[in-house]
Amino acid sequence: MASSTLIERALSVKKEIGKARLVIVSKNASIEQIRELAGAGFVEFGENRMQSALPKITALSDFNISWHFIGHLQTNKVKEAVKHFSLIHSVDSLKLLREINKRAGE
């Protein structure tokens, strides 16, 4: 999809939702597509896989992006998640919650 079309669609959704926060799920987007959206003022992006998210987060560190983790999070990946993501949306166990709390406090 052309980047201008992506930006137009995102702007249309943003207009419709008013003051609600728009988190763009970028799991299939290229770094360049995210860069263009960030350049157009979109600053919240959601990823569901740590392995594919980290290169994007690193490459786009010059933007003030708030990254959201939206997929299943394994306990062994919590340390990396709390370093790189502003929000974790998918806490599915007390054990995972405790590990997030522990790692966030480090």
C-alpha atoms as a PDB file:
ATOM      1  CA  MET A   1       0.000   0.000   0.000  1.00  0.00           C
ATOM      2  CA  ALA A   2       1.336   3.437  -0.902  1.00  0.00           C
ATOM      3  CA  SER A   3       2.430   5.480   2.075  1.00  0.00           C
ATOM      4  CA  SER A   4       0.143   8.370   1.120  1.00  0.00           C
ATOM      5  CA  THR A   5      -2.805   5.959   1.263  1.00  0.00           C
ATOM      6  CA  LEU A   6      -1.697   4.710   4.691  1.00  0.00           C
ATOM      7  CA  ILE A   7      -1.457   8.253   6.005  1.00  0.00           C
ATOM      8  CA  GLU A   8      -4.838   9.193   4.499  1.00  0.00           C
ATOM      9  CA  ARG A   9      -6.490   6.168   6.128  1.00  0.00           C
ATOM     10  CA  ALA A  10      -4.868   6.861   9.481  1.00  0.00           C
ATOM     11  CA  LEU A  11      -5.931  10.513   9.349  1.00  0.00           C
ATOM     12  CA  SER A  12      -9.487   9.458   8.489  1.00  0.00           C
ATOM     13  CA  VAL A  13      -9.657   7.073  11.455  1.00  0.00           C
ATOM     14  CA  LYS A  14      -8.104   9.658  13.770  1.00  0.00           C
ATOM     15  CA  LYS A  15     -10.737  12.194  12.721  1.00  0.00           C
ATOM     16  CA  GLU A  16     -13.548   9.709  13.410  1.00  0.00           C
ATOM     17  CA  ILE A  17     -12.381   8.678  16.872  1.00  0.00           C
ATOM     18  CA  GLY A  18     -11.952  12.188  18.224  1.00  0.00           C
ATOM     19  CA  LYS A  19      -9.930  12.327  21.425  1.00  0.00           C
ATOM     20  CA  ALA A  20      -9.465   8.567  21.714  1.00  0.00           C
ATOM     21  CA  ARG A  21      -5.900   7.360  21.251  1.00  0.00           C
ATOM     22  CA  LEU A  22      -5.125   5.651  17.974  1.00  0.00           C
ATOM     23  CA  VAL A  23      -2.610   2.816  18.235  1.00  0.00           C
ATOM     24  CA  ILE A  24      -1.530   1.743  14.768  1.00  0.00           C
ATOM     25  CA  VAL A  25      -0.800  -1.972  14.631  1.00  0.00           C
ATOM     26  CA  SER A  26       2.442  -2.062  12.698  1.00  0.00           C
ATOM     27  CA  LYS A  27       3.273  -5.760  12.773  1.00  0.00           C
ATOM     28  CA  ASN A  28       3.231  -6.046   8.962  1.00  0.00           C
ATOM     29  CA  ALA A  29       4.504  -2.545   8.242  1.00  0.00           C
ATOM     30  CA  SER A  30       7.996  -1.787   7.062  1.00  0.00           C
ATOM     31  CA  ILE A  31      10.303   0.543   8.943  1.00  0.00           C
ATOM     32  CA  GLU A  32       9.881   3.079   6.144  1.00  0.00           C
ATOM     33  CA  GLN A  33       6.063   2.962   6.380  1.00  0.00           C
ATOM     34  CA  ILE A  34       6.210   3.504  10.143  1.00  0.00           C
ATOM     35  CA  ARG A  35       8.724   6.319   9.638  1.00  0.00           C
ATOM     36  CA  GLU A  36       6.331   8.074   7.250  1.00  0.00           C
ATOM     37  CA  LEU A  37       3.398   7.679   9.626  1.00  0.00           C
ATOM     38  CA  ALA A  38       5.508   8.955  12.535  1.00  0.00           C
ATOM     39  CA  GLY A  39       6.579  11.888  10.380  1.00  0.00           C
ATOM     40  CA  ALA A  40       2.891  12.654   9.815  1.00  0.00           C
ATOM     41  CA  GLY A  41       2.341  12.870  13.573  1.00  0.00           C
ATOM     42  CA  PHE A  42       1.294   9.349  14.527  1.00  0.00           C
ATOM     43  CA  VAL A  43       3.215   8.327  17.628  1.00  0.00           C
ATOM     44  CA  GLU A  44       1.594   5.157  19.006  1.00  0.00           C
ATOM     45  CA  PHE A  45       2.338   1.825  17.378  1.00  0.00           C
ATOM     46  CA  GLY A  46       1.503  -1.723  18.440  1.00  0.00           C
ATOM     47  CA  GLU A  47       3.596  -4.830  17.863  1.00  0.00           C
ATOM     48  CA  ASN A  48       2.803  -8.408  18.799  1.00  0.00           C
ATOM     49  CA  ARG A  49       6.184 -10.091  18.345  1.00  0.00           C
ATOM     50  CA  MET A  50       9.310  -9.105  20.196  1.00  0.00           C
ATOM     51  CA  GLN A  51      11.638 -10.441  17.513  1.00  0.00           C
ATOM     52  CA  SER A  52      10.159  -8.310  14.724  1.00  0.00           C
ATOM     53  CA  ALA A  53       9.535  -5.267  16.938  1.00  0.00           C
ATOM     54  CA  LEU A  54      13.067  -4.700  18.227  1.00  0.00           C
ATOM     55  CA  PRO A  55      14.638  -3.823  14.842  1.00  0.00           C
ATOM     56  CA  LYS A  56      11.815  -1.329  14.218  1.00  0.00           C
ATOM     57  CA  ILE A  57      12.178   0.225  17.660  1.00  0.00           C
ATOM     58  CA  THR A  58      15.930   0.589  17.166  1.00  0.00           C
ATOM     59  CA  ALA A  59      15.660   1.992  13.636  1.00  0.00           C
ATOM     60  CA  LEU A  60      13.012   4.522  14.654  1.00  0.00           C
ATOM     61  CA  SER A  61      14.550   5.699  17.922  1.00  0.00           C
ATOM     62  CA  ASP A  62      14.866   9.239  16.530  1.00  0.00           C
ATOM     63  CA  PHE A  63      11.061   9.562  16.709  1.00  0.00           C
ATOM     64  CA  ASN A  64       9.160   9.990  19.966  1.00  0.00           C
ATOM     65  CA  ILE A  65       7.152   6.799  19.450  1.00  0.00           C
ATOM     66  CA  SER A  66       5.193   5.088  22.194  1.00  0.00           C
ATOM     67  CA  TRP A  67       5.441   1.370  21.480  1.00  0.00           C
ATOM     68  CA  HIS A  68       2.686  -0.964  22.703  1.00  0.00           C
ATOM     69  CA  PHE A  69       3.127  -4.708  23.092  1.00  0.00           C
ATOM     70  CA  ILE A  70      -0.188  -6.246  22.031  1.00  0.00           C
ATOM     71  CA  GLY A  71       0.530  -9.964  21.700  1.00  0.00           C
ATOM     72  CA  HIS A  72       1.057 -12.863  24.046  1.00  0.00           C
ATOM     73  CA  LEU A  73       4.120 -12.143  26.142  1.00  0.00           C
ATOM     74  CA  GLN A  74       6.269 -14.999  27.362  1.00  0.00           C
ATOM     75  CA  THR A  75       7.776 -14.630  30.819  1.00  0.00           C
ATOM     76  CA  ASN A  76      11.308 -15.021  29.446  1.00  0.00           C
ATOM     77  CA  LYS A  77      10.810 -11.938  27.241  1.00  0.00           C
ATOM     78  CA  VAL A  78       9.533  -9.585  29.945  1.00  0.00           C
ATOM     79  CA  LYS A  79      12.938  -8.006  30.608  1.00  0.00           C
ATOM     80  CA  GLU A  80      13.198  -6.834  26.985  1.00  0.00           C
ATOM     81  CA  ALA A  81       9.537  -5.823  26.868  1.00  0.00           C
ATOM     82  CA  VAL A  82       9.739  -3.433  29.816  1.00  0.00           C
ATOM     83  CA  LYS A  83      12.857  -1.838  28.309  1.00  0.00           C
ATOM     84  CA  HIS A  84      11.291  -1.110  24.933  1.00  0.00           C
ATOM     85  CA  PHE A  85       7.509  -0.847  25.301  1.00  0.00           C
ATOM     86  CA  SER A  86       5.470   1.888  26.968  1.00  0.00           C
ATOM     87  CA  LEU A  87       2.465  -0.374  27.488  1.00  0.00           C
ATOM     88  CA  ILE A  88       1.881  -4.106  27.643  1.00  0.00           C
ATOM     89  CA  HIS A  89      -1.725  -4.885  26.748  1.00  0.00           C
ATOM     90  CA  SER A  90      -1.876  -8.635  27.132  1.00  0.00           C
ATOM     91  CA  VAL A  91      -1.180  -9.806  30.656  1.00  0.00           C
ATOM     92  CA  ASP A  92      -2.807 -13.204  30.949  1.00  0.00           C
ATOM     93  CA  SER A  93      -1.541 -14.549  34.260  1.00  0.00           C
ATOM     94  CA  LEU A  94      -0.613 -13.441  37.743  1.00  0.00           C
ATOM     95  CA  LYS A  95       2.847 -14.965  37.241  1.00  0.00           C
ATOM     96  CA  LEU A  96       3.407 -12.756  34.187  1.00  0.00           C
ATOM     97  CA  LEU A  97       2.125  -9.691  36.014  1.00  0.00           C
ATOM     98  CA  ARG A  98       4.524 -10.298  38.894  1.00  0.00           C
ATOM     99  CA  GLU A  99       7.447 -10.682  36.499  1.00  0.00           C
ATOM    100  CA  ILE A 100       6.525  -7.439  34.707  1.00  0.00           C
ATOM    101  CA  ASN A 101       6.287  -5.644  38.046  1.00  0.00           C
ATOM    102  CA  LYS A 102       9.659  -7.035  39.136  1.00  0.00           C
ATOM    103  CA  ARG A 103      11.446  -6.136  35.890  1.00  0.00           C
ATOM    104  CA  ALA A 104       9.853  -2.690  35.646  1.00  0.00           C
ATOM    105  CA  GLY A 105      11.251  -1.871  39.078  1.00  0.00           C
ATOM    106  CA  GLU A 106      14.839  -2.707  38.091  1.00  0.00           C
END
